[in-house]
């Protein structure tokens, strides 16, 4: 009687993973490959917005109280001064009218500093200031015991600090291309009434960075300027 042999089990062949199974891996690999490009685009957009449209500024002193207090953060419209004129009463941010010379660090370092300032990880070499525009080119500005007169008419200033400043300032005609600025807290503001280093003197219009238009921080002080 012959011995019965069972048939050999069929050989199993592994099937290659389907396209659906490989899709998550491809997507993850593609994401990491594209990430540097996305980061670069985001940085470029941030720099362009800060350079030409809107920029945030921190208030470091009490010279603009009560309108702005130390620690406030405001947004400044840069494009407003590129396509429009500054008006009397505007709160402006401007670069130091009397900048000090800086050492020449070379093209590469200057470019890296510009990039770092653009993304907010480095402070500008020149200090920025924030004040209110009181006198425009051609105006005659005078202060009589704390009351500001522009072209002979008293300026209505409901934004002033309650502490009264009774100092006077002789009449002065504002030259073309210059602005006369003052802080709302007149007792502590080093503004156009004083020449550097006590104040900022007259501000050239080409040193204006932008017009502050809203407080964004802290949330309890959010509001239009």
N, C-alpha and C. Protein backbone atom coordinates (compact mmCIF):
# COMPACT_ATOMS: atom_id res chain seq x y z
N UNK A 1 0.85 -1.18 0.00
CA UNK A 1 0.00 0.00 0.00
C UNK A 1 0.89 1.23 0.00
N UNK A 2 0.72 2.06 -0.95
CA UNK A 2 1.60 3.24 -1.05
C UNK A 2 1.20 4.31 -0.05
N UNK A 3 2.26 5.00 0.44
CA UNK A 3 2.03 6.05 1.42
C UNK A 3 1.56 7.31 0.71
N UNK A 4 0.51 7.89 1.25
CA UNK A 4 -0.06 9.09 0.66
C UNK A 4 0.67 10.33 1.19
N UNK A 5 1.16 11.14 0.26
CA UNK A 5 1.85 12.36 0.66
C UNK A 5 0.96 13.59 0.44
N UNK A 6 0.98 14.48 1.49
CA UNK A 6 0.20 15.72 1.33
C UNK A 6 0.88 16.66 0.35
N UNK A 7 0.11 17.43 -0.33
CA UNK A 7 0.67 18.40 -1.27
C UNK A 7 1.42 19.49 -0.54
N UNK A 8 2.53 19.93 -1.12
CA UNK A 8 3.34 21.00 -0.50
C UNK A 8 2.53 22.29 -0.43
N UNK A 9 2.66 22.99 0.70
CA UNK A 9 1.91 24.26 0.83
C UNK A 9 2.37 25.26 -0.22
N UNK A 10 1.46 26.06 -0.69
CA UNK A 10 1.84 27.05 -1.72
C UNK A 10 2.81 28.07 -1.18
N UNK A 11 3.71 28.50 -2.00
CA UNK A 11 4.68 29.53 -1.62
C UNK A 11 4.00 30.90 -1.58
N UNK A 12 4.20 31.66 -0.45
CA UNK A 12 3.59 32.97 -0.30
C UNK A 12 4.56 34.04 -0.80
N UNK A 13 4.08 34.89 -1.64
CA UNK A 13 4.90 35.98 -2.17
C UNK A 13 4.39 37.31 -1.64
N UNK A 14 5.29 38.10 -1.00
CA UNK A 14 4.88 39.40 -0.42
C UNK A 14 4.53 40.37 -1.53
N UNK A 15 3.38 40.97 -1.39
CA UNK A 15 2.95 41.94 -2.38
C UNK A 15 3.55 43.31 -2.06
N UNK A 16 4.00 44.04 -3.06
CA UNK A 16 4.55 45.38 -2.81
C UNK A 16 3.48 46.29 -2.23
N UNK A 17 3.88 47.20 -1.34
CA UNK A 17 2.90 48.12 -0.75
C UNK A 17 2.23 48.93 -1.84
N UNK A 18 0.97 49.18 -1.63
CA UNK A 18 0.20 49.95 -2.60
C UNK A 18 0.58 51.42 -2.53
N UNK A 19 0.16 52.16 -3.56
CA UNK A 19 0.41 53.60 -3.56
C UNK A 19 -0.24 54.28 -2.38
N UNK A 20 -1.41 53.77 -1.97
CA UNK A 20 -2.10 54.37 -0.82
C UNK A 20 -1.29 54.20 0.46
N UNK A 21 -0.59 53.05 0.59
CA UNK A 21 0.21 52.81 1.79
C UNK A 21 1.45 53.69 1.82
N UNK A 22 2.00 53.99 0.63
CA UNK A 22 3.21 54.81 0.59
C UNK A 22 2.92 56.30 0.65
N UNK A 23 1.70 56.71 0.49
CA UNK A 23 1.35 58.13 0.42
C UNK A 23 1.73 58.92 1.67
N UNK A 24 1.44 58.43 2.90
CA UNK A 24 1.82 59.22 4.09
C UNK A 24 3.32 59.47 4.17
N UNK A 25 4.13 58.47 3.84
CA UNK A 25 5.59 58.63 3.89
C UNK A 25 6.05 59.67 2.87
N UNK A 26 5.44 59.62 1.67
CA UNK A 26 5.82 60.60 0.65
C UNK A 26 5.43 62.01 1.08
N UNK A 27 4.25 62.14 1.69
CA UNK A 27 3.81 63.46 2.13
C UNK A 27 4.72 64.01 3.21
N UNK A 28 5.12 63.15 4.16
CA UNK A 28 6.00 63.60 5.24
C UNK A 28 7.36 64.02 4.68
N UNK A 29 7.90 63.22 3.76
CA UNK A 29 9.19 63.56 3.15
C UNK A 29 9.10 64.86 2.37
N UNK A 30 7.99 65.02 1.65
CA UNK A 30 7.81 66.25 0.88
C UNK A 30 7.68 67.47 1.78
N UNK A 31 7.01 67.30 2.95
CA UNK A 31 6.86 68.42 3.88
C UNK A 31 8.21 68.92 4.38
N UNK A 32 9.08 67.98 4.80
CA UNK A 32 10.39 68.38 5.33
C UNK A 32 11.27 68.98 4.24
N UNK A 33 11.08 68.53 3.01
CA UNK A 33 11.84 69.09 1.91
C UNK A 33 11.38 70.52 1.59
N UNK A 34 10.09 70.77 1.74
CA UNK A 34 9.55 72.10 1.42
C UNK A 34 9.62 73.07 2.59
N UNK A 35 9.87 72.57 3.82
CA UNK A 35 9.85 73.44 4.99
C UNK A 35 10.80 74.63 4.90
N UNK A 36 12.07 74.44 4.50
CA UNK A 36 12.96 75.61 4.39
C UNK A 36 12.44 76.68 3.44
N UNK A 37 11.81 76.23 2.35
CA UNK A 37 11.26 77.20 1.40
C UNK A 37 10.12 77.97 2.03
N UNK A 38 9.24 77.26 2.76
CA UNK A 38 8.11 77.91 3.41
C UNK A 38 8.57 78.91 4.46
N UNK A 39 9.60 78.51 5.25
CA UNK A 39 10.14 79.42 6.27
C UNK A 39 10.74 80.66 5.61
N UNK A 40 11.47 80.45 4.51
CA UNK A 40 12.06 81.58 3.81
C UNK A 40 11.01 82.53 3.27
N UNK A 41 9.93 81.99 2.71
CA UNK A 41 8.86 82.84 2.20
C UNK A 41 8.19 83.61 3.33
N UNK A 42 7.96 82.92 4.48
CA UNK A 42 7.34 83.59 5.62
C UNK A 42 8.21 84.74 6.14
N UNK A 43 9.53 84.51 6.22
CA UNK A 43 10.43 85.57 6.66
C UNK A 43 10.43 86.74 5.69
N UNK A 44 10.42 86.44 4.39
CA UNK A 44 10.41 87.50 3.39
C UNK A 44 9.14 88.33 3.50
N UNK A 45 7.99 87.67 3.67
CA UNK A 45 6.73 88.40 3.81
C UNK A 45 6.75 89.27 5.06
N UNK A 46 7.29 88.72 6.18
CA UNK A 46 7.35 89.49 7.43
C UNK A 46 8.22 90.73 7.27
N UNK A 47 9.36 90.56 6.59
CA UNK A 47 10.26 91.69 6.39
C UNK A 47 9.61 92.75 5.49
N UNK A 48 8.92 92.32 4.45
CA UNK A 48 8.27 93.26 3.55
C UNK A 48 7.16 94.02 4.27
N UNK A 49 6.38 93.31 5.10
CA UNK A 49 5.32 93.98 5.84
C UNK A 49 5.90 95.01 6.80
N UNK A 50 6.97 94.60 7.53
CA UNK A 50 7.58 95.51 8.49
C UNK A 50 8.25 96.69 7.79
N UNK A 51 8.83 96.47 6.64
CA UNK A 51 9.57 97.52 5.96
C UNK A 51 8.67 98.52 5.24
N UNK A 52 7.51 98.07 4.77
CA UNK A 52 6.71 98.93 3.91
C UNK A 52 5.28 99.15 4.38
N UNK A 53 4.74 98.30 5.24
CA UNK A 53 3.32 98.42 5.58
C UNK A 53 3.10 98.79 7.03
N UNK A 54 3.25 97.83 7.94
CA UNK A 54 2.92 98.03 9.35
C UNK A 54 4.04 97.45 10.21
N UNK A 55 4.35 98.16 11.29
CA UNK A 55 5.40 97.71 12.19
C UNK A 55 4.95 97.94 13.63
N UNK A 56 5.32 97.03 14.52
CA UNK A 56 4.99 97.16 15.94
C UNK A 56 6.13 97.85 16.67
N UNK A 57 5.77 98.71 17.63
CA UNK A 57 6.76 99.41 18.44
C UNK A 57 6.39 99.32 19.92
N UNK A 58 7.44 99.27 20.75
CA UNK A 58 7.30 99.20 22.21
C UNK A 58 7.52 100.60 22.79
N UNK A 59 6.68 101.00 23.75
CA UNK A 59 6.81 102.31 24.38
C UNK A 59 7.71 102.19 25.60
N UNK A 60 8.90 102.81 25.58
CA UNK A 60 9.87 102.59 26.66
C UNK A 60 9.85 103.65 27.77
N UNK A 61 9.09 104.74 27.60
CA UNK A 61 9.17 105.84 28.55
C UNK A 61 7.79 106.44 28.78
N UNK A 62 7.66 107.32 29.81
CA UNK A 62 6.36 107.93 30.11
C UNK A 62 6.12 109.25 29.38
N UNK A 63 6.90 109.57 28.37
CA UNK A 63 6.82 110.90 27.74
C UNK A 63 5.52 111.13 26.97
N UNK A 64 4.77 110.05 26.67
CA UNK A 64 3.51 110.21 25.94
C UNK A 64 2.29 109.91 26.80
N UNK A 65 2.47 109.83 28.11
CA UNK A 65 1.32 109.60 28.99
C UNK A 65 0.40 110.81 28.96
N UNK A 66 -0.92 110.60 29.09
CA UNK A 66 -1.61 109.33 29.32
C UNK A 66 -1.99 108.59 28.04
N UNK A 67 -1.70 109.16 26.88
CA UNK A 67 -2.07 108.49 25.62
C UNK A 67 -1.40 107.13 25.50
N UNK A 68 -0.11 107.09 25.78
CA UNK A 68 0.67 105.86 25.73
C UNK A 68 1.49 105.76 27.00
N UNK A 69 1.48 104.61 27.64
CA UNK A 69 2.24 104.41 28.87
C UNK A 69 3.35 103.42 28.63
N UNK A 70 4.33 103.44 29.54
CA UNK A 70 5.45 102.52 29.42
C UNK A 70 4.95 101.08 29.35
N UNK A 71 5.43 100.34 28.36
CA UNK A 71 5.03 98.94 28.18
C UNK A 71 3.97 98.74 27.14
N UNK A 72 3.30 99.82 26.70
CA UNK A 72 2.34 99.67 25.60
C UNK A 72 3.06 99.24 24.33
N UNK A 73 2.33 98.56 23.48
CA UNK A 73 2.82 98.24 22.13
C UNK A 73 1.82 98.79 21.12
N UNK A 74 2.35 99.47 20.14
CA UNK A 74 1.49 100.12 19.15
C UNK A 74 1.86 99.64 17.75
N UNK A 75 0.89 99.73 16.85
CA UNK A 75 1.14 99.46 15.44
C UNK A 75 1.30 100.79 14.72
N UNK A 76 2.28 100.82 13.83
CA UNK A 76 2.61 102.04 13.10
C UNK A 76 2.43 101.80 11.62
N UNK A 77 1.70 102.69 10.98
CA UNK A 77 1.46 102.60 9.54
C UNK A 77 2.61 103.26 8.79
N UNK A 78 3.45 102.46 8.17
CA UNK A 78 4.59 102.99 7.43
C UNK A 78 4.17 103.52 6.07
N UNK A 79 3.21 102.84 5.46
CA UNK A 79 2.81 103.23 4.11
C UNK A 79 2.10 104.59 4.12
N UNK A 80 1.58 104.98 5.30
CA UNK A 80 0.86 106.26 5.40
C UNK A 80 1.76 107.44 5.07
N UNK A 81 3.04 107.36 5.43
CA UNK A 81 3.93 108.48 5.17
C UNK A 81 4.58 108.40 3.80
N UNK A 82 4.41 107.26 3.13
CA UNK A 82 4.95 107.12 1.77
C UNK A 82 3.98 107.68 0.73
N UNK A 83 2.69 107.60 1.04
CA UNK A 83 1.69 108.03 0.06
C UNK A 83 0.79 109.14 0.60
N UNK A 84 1.17 109.72 1.73
CA UNK A 84 0.38 110.82 2.29
C UNK A 84 1.24 111.70 3.15
N UNK A 85 0.68 112.83 3.57
CA UNK A 85 1.40 113.78 4.40
C UNK A 85 1.07 113.55 5.87
N UNK A 86 2.02 113.87 6.73
CA UNK A 86 1.78 113.85 8.17
C UNK A 86 0.93 115.06 8.53
N UNK A 87 -0.02 114.87 9.43
CA UNK A 87 -0.92 115.95 9.83
C UNK A 87 -0.64 116.38 11.26
N UNK A 88 -1.01 117.60 11.58
CA UNK A 88 -0.88 118.09 12.95
C UNK A 88 -1.78 117.24 13.86
N UNK A 89 -1.24 116.81 14.96
CA UNK A 89 -1.97 115.95 15.88
C UNK A 89 -1.63 114.48 15.73
N UNK A 90 -0.99 114.09 14.62
CA UNK A 90 -0.59 112.69 14.45
C UNK A 90 0.47 112.30 15.47
N UNK A 91 0.38 111.07 15.96
CA UNK A 91 1.44 110.50 16.79
C UNK A 91 2.36 109.73 15.86
N UNK A 92 3.60 110.17 15.77
CA UNK A 92 4.52 109.57 14.80
C UNK A 92 5.70 108.89 15.50
N UNK A 93 6.24 107.90 14.82
CA UNK A 93 7.50 107.28 15.22
C UNK A 93 8.55 107.74 14.22
N UNK A 94 9.69 108.19 14.72
CA UNK A 94 10.74 108.68 13.83
C UNK A 94 12.10 108.23 14.33
N UNK A 95 13.02 108.10 13.39
CA UNK A 95 14.40 107.73 13.72
C UNK A 95 15.12 108.92 14.32
N UNK A 96 16.15 108.66 15.07
CA UNK A 96 16.92 109.71 15.72
C UNK A 96 17.32 110.78 14.71
N UNK A 97 16.88 112.05 14.92
CA UNK A 97 17.25 113.11 13.98
C UNK A 97 18.74 113.43 13.99
N UNK A 98 19.43 113.01 15.05
CA UNK A 98 20.85 113.30 15.18
C UNK A 98 21.63 111.99 15.36
N UNK A 99 21.61 111.10 14.34
CA UNK A 99 22.24 109.80 14.50
C UNK A 99 23.75 109.92 14.62
N UNK A 100 24.31 109.00 15.38
CA UNK A 100 25.75 108.96 15.54
C UNK A 100 26.37 108.06 14.47
N UNK A 101 27.59 108.38 14.03
CA UNK A 101 28.24 107.53 13.01
C UNK A 101 28.53 106.14 13.54
N UNK A 102 28.43 105.16 12.67
CA UNK A 102 28.69 103.77 13.03
C UNK A 102 29.85 103.23 12.22
N UNK A 103 30.53 102.27 12.82
CA UNK A 103 31.65 101.64 12.13
C UNK A 103 31.14 100.86 10.92
N UNK A 104 31.94 100.83 9.87
CA UNK A 104 31.59 100.09 8.67
C UNK A 104 31.91 98.62 8.88
N UNK A 105 30.86 97.79 8.99
CA UNK A 105 31.04 96.37 9.26
C UNK A 105 31.14 95.53 7.99
N UNK A 106 31.03 96.16 6.85
CA UNK A 106 31.08 95.41 5.61
C UNK A 106 29.69 95.08 5.08
N UNK A 107 29.63 94.75 3.81
CA UNK A 107 28.36 94.51 3.14
C UNK A 107 27.64 93.31 3.75
N UNK A 108 28.38 92.22 4.02
CA UNK A 108 27.75 90.99 4.51
C UNK A 108 27.14 91.21 5.89
N UNK A 109 27.90 91.83 6.79
CA UNK A 109 27.38 92.05 8.14
C UNK A 109 26.23 93.04 8.13
N UNK A 110 26.31 94.05 7.29
CA UNK A 110 25.21 95.01 7.18
C UNK A 110 23.94 94.31 6.69
N UNK A 111 24.09 93.40 5.74
CA UNK A 111 22.94 92.66 5.22
C UNK A 111 22.35 91.75 6.30
N UNK A 112 23.21 91.08 7.07
CA UNK A 112 22.73 90.21 8.14
C UNK A 112 22.04 91.00 9.23
N UNK A 113 22.56 92.19 9.56
CA UNK A 113 21.92 93.04 10.57
C UNK A 113 20.56 93.51 10.06
N UNK A 114 20.50 93.89 8.78
CA UNK A 114 19.22 94.33 8.22
C UNK A 114 18.19 93.21 8.29
N UNK A 115 18.63 91.97 8.01
CA UNK A 115 17.74 90.82 8.06
C UNK A 115 17.28 90.58 9.50
N UNK A 116 18.22 90.66 10.46
CA UNK A 116 17.88 90.42 11.87
C UNK A 116 16.92 91.49 12.39
N UNK A 117 17.12 92.73 11.99
CA UNK A 117 16.21 93.80 12.40
C UNK A 117 14.84 93.60 11.77
N UNK A 118 14.84 93.10 10.53
CA UNK A 118 13.58 92.91 9.82
C UNK A 118 12.69 91.87 10.46
N UNK A 119 13.28 90.83 11.06
CA UNK A 119 12.47 89.78 11.70
C UNK A 119 12.35 90.01 13.20
N UNK A 120 12.92 91.12 13.70
CA UNK A 120 12.71 91.49 15.09
C UNK A 120 13.62 90.84 16.10
N UNK A 121 14.74 90.26 15.68
CA UNK A 121 15.65 89.63 16.64
C UNK A 121 16.86 90.50 16.95
N UNK A 122 16.92 91.70 16.40
CA UNK A 122 18.00 92.64 16.70
C UNK A 122 17.41 94.05 16.75
N UNK A 123 17.97 94.87 17.65
CA UNK A 123 17.53 96.24 17.78
C UNK A 123 18.24 97.12 16.76
N UNK A 124 17.52 98.14 16.21
CA UNK A 124 18.18 99.06 15.29
C UNK A 124 19.33 99.78 15.98
N UNK A 125 20.37 100.11 15.20
CA UNK A 125 21.51 100.80 15.76
C UNK A 125 21.15 102.20 16.22
N UNK A 126 20.24 102.87 15.52
CA UNK A 126 19.79 104.21 15.89
C UNK A 126 18.48 104.11 16.65
N UNK A 127 18.36 104.95 17.69
CA UNK A 127 17.16 104.93 18.53
C UNK A 127 15.98 105.54 17.78
N UNK A 128 14.78 104.97 18.04
CA UNK A 128 13.55 105.52 17.50
C UNK A 128 12.79 106.25 18.61
N UNK A 129 12.00 107.26 18.21
CA UNK A 129 11.24 108.06 19.17
C UNK A 129 9.78 108.11 18.74
N UNK A 130 8.91 108.40 19.71
CA UNK A 130 7.50 108.57 19.41
C UNK A 130 7.01 109.86 20.07
N UNK A 131 6.44 110.76 19.27
CA UNK A 131 5.95 112.06 19.75
C UNK A 131 4.73 112.45 18.93
N UNK A 132 4.10 113.55 19.33
CA UNK A 132 2.94 114.07 18.61
C UNK A 132 3.35 115.28 17.78
N UNK A 133 2.86 115.35 16.55
CA UNK A 133 3.16 116.47 15.67
C UNK A 133 2.36 117.69 16.11
N UNK A 134 3.07 118.78 16.38
CA UNK A 134 2.44 120.03 16.79
C UNK A 134 2.57 121.09 15.70
N UNK A 135 3.73 121.16 15.07
CA UNK A 135 3.96 122.17 14.05
C UNK A 135 4.41 121.57 12.73
N UNK A 136 3.83 122.05 11.62
CA UNK A 136 4.18 121.60 10.28
C UNK A 136 5.05 122.65 9.60
N UNK A 137 5.68 122.31 8.47
CA UNK A 137 6.51 123.29 7.76
C UNK A 137 5.72 124.58 7.48
N UNK A 138 6.33 125.72 7.82
CA UNK A 138 5.69 127.01 7.62
C UNK A 138 4.92 127.52 8.82
N UNK A 139 4.58 126.64 9.78
CA UNK A 139 3.86 127.07 10.98
C UNK A 139 4.76 127.90 11.89
N UNK A 140 4.14 128.79 12.66
CA UNK A 140 4.83 129.51 13.73
C UNK A 140 4.34 128.93 15.04
N UNK A 141 5.23 128.29 15.78
CA UNK A 141 4.87 127.63 17.04
C UNK A 141 5.37 128.48 18.20
N UNK A 142 4.50 128.69 19.17
CA UNK A 142 4.84 129.45 20.38
C UNK A 142 4.15 128.80 21.56
N UNK A 143 4.80 128.86 22.72
CA UNK A 143 4.21 128.33 23.95
C UNK A 143 4.22 129.44 25.00
N UNK A 144 3.03 129.75 25.51
CA UNK A 144 2.90 130.77 26.55
C UNK A 144 2.43 130.11 27.83
N UNK A 145 3.34 129.98 28.78
CA UNK A 145 3.04 129.37 30.09
C UNK A 145 2.27 128.06 29.93
N UNK A 146 2.76 127.24 29.01
CA UNK A 146 2.20 125.91 28.82
C UNK A 146 1.16 125.80 27.73
N UNK A 147 0.59 126.92 27.29
CA UNK A 147 -0.41 126.89 26.23
C UNK A 147 0.28 127.01 24.88
N UNK A 148 -0.01 126.07 23.97
CA UNK A 148 0.63 126.05 22.66
C UNK A 148 -0.20 126.86 21.67
N UNK A 149 0.47 127.77 20.99
CA UNK A 149 -0.16 128.55 19.93
C UNK A 149 0.50 128.20 18.60
N UNK A 150 -0.33 127.93 17.60
CA UNK A 150 0.16 127.66 16.25
C UNK A 150 -0.44 128.71 15.33
N UNK A 151 0.44 129.48 14.72
CA UNK A 151 0.01 130.59 13.86
C UNK A 151 -0.91 131.55 14.61
N UNK A 152 -0.60 131.75 15.90
CA UNK A 152 -1.35 132.71 16.71
C UNK A 152 -2.61 132.18 17.35
N UNK A 153 -3.01 130.95 17.05
CA UNK A 153 -4.23 130.38 17.61
C UNK A 153 -3.87 129.27 18.61
N UNK A 154 -4.59 129.29 19.72
CA UNK A 154 -4.32 128.29 20.75
C UNK A 154 -4.73 126.91 20.27
N UNK A 155 -3.87 125.93 20.49
CA UNK A 155 -4.11 124.56 20.06
C UNK A 155 -4.94 123.82 21.09
N UNK A 156 -6.02 123.21 20.65
CA UNK A 156 -6.86 122.41 21.54
C UNK A 156 -6.19 121.06 21.74
N UNK A 157 -5.83 120.74 22.98
CA UNK A 157 -5.07 119.52 23.27
C UNK A 157 -5.72 118.71 24.39
N UNK A 158 -6.80 118.01 24.10
CA UNK A 158 -7.48 117.24 25.15
C UNK A 158 -6.70 116.02 25.62
N UNK A 159 -5.65 115.67 24.90
CA UNK A 159 -4.86 114.47 25.20
C UNK A 159 -3.77 114.72 26.23
N UNK A 160 -3.59 115.96 26.70
CA UNK A 160 -2.46 116.28 27.56
C UNK A 160 -2.55 115.62 28.92
N UNK A 161 -1.38 115.38 29.52
CA UNK A 161 -1.29 114.92 30.89
C UNK A 161 -1.87 115.99 31.81
N UNK A 162 -2.51 115.57 32.87
CA UNK A 162 -3.16 116.52 33.76
C UNK A 162 -2.17 117.41 34.51
N UNK A 163 -0.95 116.94 34.68
CA UNK A 163 0.05 117.78 35.35
C UNK A 163 0.40 118.94 34.43
N UNK A 164 0.20 120.14 34.91
CA UNK A 164 0.36 121.32 34.07
C UNK A 164 1.82 121.71 33.93
N UNK A 165 2.22 121.97 32.70
CA UNK A 165 3.56 122.48 32.40
C UNK A 165 3.41 123.95 32.04
N UNK A 166 4.01 124.82 32.83
CA UNK A 166 3.82 126.26 32.62
C UNK A 166 5.02 126.91 31.93
N UNK A 167 5.91 126.10 31.36
CA UNK A 167 7.07 126.69 30.69
C UNK A 167 6.66 127.32 29.35
N UNK A 168 7.44 128.30 28.94
CA UNK A 168 7.16 129.00 27.68
C UNK A 168 8.22 128.68 26.63
N UNK A 169 7.89 129.00 25.39
CA UNK A 169 8.79 128.77 24.28
C UNK A 169 8.59 129.91 23.29
N UNK A 170 9.68 130.58 22.93
CA UNK A 170 9.59 131.73 22.05
C UNK A 170 9.09 131.32 20.66
N UNK A 171 8.39 132.22 19.95
CA UNK A 171 7.88 131.89 18.61
C UNK A 171 8.99 131.41 17.68
N UNK A 172 8.66 130.34 16.94
CA UNK A 172 9.64 129.79 16.00
C UNK A 172 8.92 129.35 14.74
N UNK A 173 9.43 129.76 13.59
CA UNK A 173 8.88 129.34 12.31
C UNK A 173 9.52 128.02 11.90
N UNK A 174 8.69 127.05 11.57
CA UNK A 174 9.20 125.72 11.24
C UNK A 174 9.64 125.71 9.77
N UNK A 175 10.90 125.39 9.51
CA UNK A 175 11.42 125.40 8.12
C UNK A 175 10.79 124.31 7.27
N UNK A 176 10.94 124.46 5.97
CA UNK A 176 10.48 123.42 5.03
C UNK A 176 11.17 122.10 5.35
N UNK A 177 10.40 121.02 5.24
CA UNK A 177 10.96 119.69 5.45
C UNK A 177 11.17 119.31 6.89
N UNK A 178 10.68 120.14 7.84
CA UNK A 178 10.89 119.86 9.26
C UNK A 178 9.55 119.82 10.00
N UNK A 179 9.53 119.12 11.14
CA UNK A 179 8.35 119.01 11.99
C UNK A 179 8.70 119.40 13.42
N UNK A 180 7.76 120.02 14.09
CA UNK A 180 7.90 120.35 15.51
C UNK A 180 7.04 119.35 16.28
N UNK A 181 7.67 118.55 17.15
CA UNK A 181 6.96 117.48 17.86
C UNK A 181 7.08 117.69 19.36
N UNK A 182 6.08 117.19 20.08
CA UNK A 182 6.09 117.26 21.54
C UNK A 182 5.47 115.99 22.10
N UNK A 183 5.87 115.65 23.32
CA UNK A 183 5.24 114.55 24.04
C UNK A 183 4.01 115.04 24.76
N UNK A 184 3.05 114.15 24.98
CA UNK A 184 1.84 114.55 25.71
C UNK A 184 2.12 114.82 27.18
N UNK A 185 3.13 114.18 27.71
CA UNK A 185 3.55 114.42 29.10
C UNK A 185 4.67 115.46 29.06
N UNK A 186 4.29 116.72 28.97
CA UNK A 186 5.24 117.79 28.69
C UNK A 186 6.33 117.95 29.74
N UNK A 187 6.04 117.55 30.98
CA UNK A 187 7.01 117.76 32.05
C UNK A 187 8.24 116.88 31.91
N UNK A 188 8.12 115.75 31.22
CA UNK A 188 9.25 114.81 31.14
C UNK A 188 9.68 114.54 29.70
N UNK A 189 9.09 115.23 28.74
CA UNK A 189 9.36 114.92 27.33
C UNK A 189 10.52 115.74 26.79
N UNK A 190 11.52 115.04 26.25
CA UNK A 190 12.62 115.70 25.55
C UNK A 190 12.26 115.79 24.08
N UNK A 191 11.67 116.89 23.68
CA UNK A 191 11.10 116.98 22.33
C UNK A 191 11.69 118.17 21.56
N UNK A 192 10.90 118.74 20.64
CA UNK A 192 11.44 119.79 19.77
C UNK A 192 11.68 121.11 20.50
N UNK A 193 11.26 121.22 21.73
CA UNK A 193 11.57 122.43 22.50
C UNK A 193 13.04 122.50 22.87
N UNK A 194 13.71 121.36 22.83
CA UNK A 194 15.09 121.26 23.28
C UNK A 194 15.95 120.63 22.19
N UNK A 195 17.16 121.11 22.08
CA UNK A 195 18.12 120.55 21.12
C UNK A 195 18.83 119.35 21.74
N UNK A 196 19.35 118.45 20.90
CA UNK A 196 20.12 117.31 21.44
C UNK A 196 21.30 117.81 22.27
N UNK A 197 21.67 117.09 23.34
CA UNK A 197 21.14 115.77 23.72
C UNK A 197 19.95 115.84 24.67
N UNK A 198 19.51 117.05 25.07
CA UNK A 198 18.38 117.16 25.98
C UNK A 198 17.07 116.76 25.32
N UNK A 199 16.91 117.16 24.05
CA UNK A 199 15.70 116.82 23.31
C UNK A 199 16.05 116.29 21.94
N UNK A 200 15.08 116.35 21.02
CA UNK A 200 15.33 115.85 19.67
C UNK A 200 15.43 116.99 18.65
N UNK A 201 15.10 118.23 19.07
CA UNK A 201 15.10 119.34 18.12
C UNK A 201 14.02 119.14 17.07
N UNK A 202 14.12 119.88 15.99
CA UNK A 202 13.18 119.70 14.89
C UNK A 202 13.45 118.36 14.20
N UNK A 203 12.38 117.74 13.70
CA UNK A 203 12.49 116.40 13.10
C UNK A 203 12.37 116.51 11.58
N UNK A 204 13.38 116.10 10.83
CA UNK A 204 13.26 116.08 9.36
C UNK A 204 12.16 115.11 8.93
N UNK A 205 11.38 115.53 7.96
CA UNK A 205 10.28 114.68 7.50
C UNK A 205 10.78 113.33 6.98
N UNK A 206 11.98 113.30 6.43
CA UNK A 206 12.47 112.02 5.89
C UNK A 206 12.94 111.07 6.98
N UNK A 207 12.89 111.49 8.25
CA UNK A 207 13.23 110.59 9.36
C UNK A 207 11.98 109.94 9.96
N UNK A 208 10.80 110.33 9.47
CA UNK A 208 9.56 109.76 9.99
C UNK A 208 9.40 108.34 9.47
N UNK A 209 9.17 107.42 10.40
CA UNK A 209 9.00 106.00 10.06
C UNK A 209 7.54 105.70 9.75
N UNK A 210 6.63 106.25 10.55
CA UNK A 210 5.22 105.97 10.33
C UNK A 210 4.35 106.67 11.36
N UNK A 211 3.04 106.49 11.20
CA UNK A 211 2.04 107.09 12.08
C UNK A 211 1.44 105.99 12.96
N UNK A 212 1.51 106.17 14.28
CA UNK A 212 0.92 105.19 15.20
C UNK A 212 -0.60 105.34 15.17
N UNK A 213 -1.30 104.22 15.06
CA UNK A 213 -2.75 104.31 14.91
C UNK A 213 -3.54 103.44 15.87
N UNK A 214 -2.91 102.47 16.54
CA UNK A 214 -3.66 101.62 17.46
C UNK A 214 -2.73 101.04 18.52
N UNK A 215 -3.27 100.94 19.75
CA UNK A 215 -2.58 100.21 20.82
C UNK A 215 -3.04 98.76 20.76
N UNK A 216 -2.10 97.83 20.74
CA UNK A 216 -2.47 96.42 20.64
C UNK A 216 -2.10 95.62 21.88
N UNK A 217 -1.32 96.20 22.78
CA UNK A 217 -0.92 95.48 24.01
C UNK A 217 -0.62 96.48 25.11
N UNK A 218 -1.04 96.17 26.34
CA UNK A 218 -1.79 94.99 26.79
C UNK A 218 -3.24 95.03 26.33
N UNK A 219 -3.93 93.88 26.35
CA UNK A 219 -5.32 93.85 25.86
C UNK A 219 -6.24 94.84 26.57
N UNK A 220 -5.97 95.11 27.83
CA UNK A 220 -6.84 96.02 28.59
C UNK A 220 -6.74 97.47 28.08
N UNK A 221 -5.67 97.78 27.31
CA UNK A 221 -5.51 99.13 26.79
C UNK A 221 -5.67 99.18 25.28
N UNK A 222 -6.24 98.14 24.69
CA UNK A 222 -6.44 98.16 23.24
C UNK A 222 -7.31 99.34 22.85
N UNK A 223 -6.94 100.02 21.78
CA UNK A 223 -7.78 101.11 21.32
C UNK A 223 -7.06 101.93 20.27
N UNK A 224 -7.84 102.72 19.53
CA UNK A 224 -7.30 103.58 18.50
C UNK A 224 -6.59 104.76 19.13
N UNK A 225 -5.56 105.26 18.46
CA UNK A 225 -4.82 106.42 18.95
C UNK A 225 -5.35 107.66 18.25
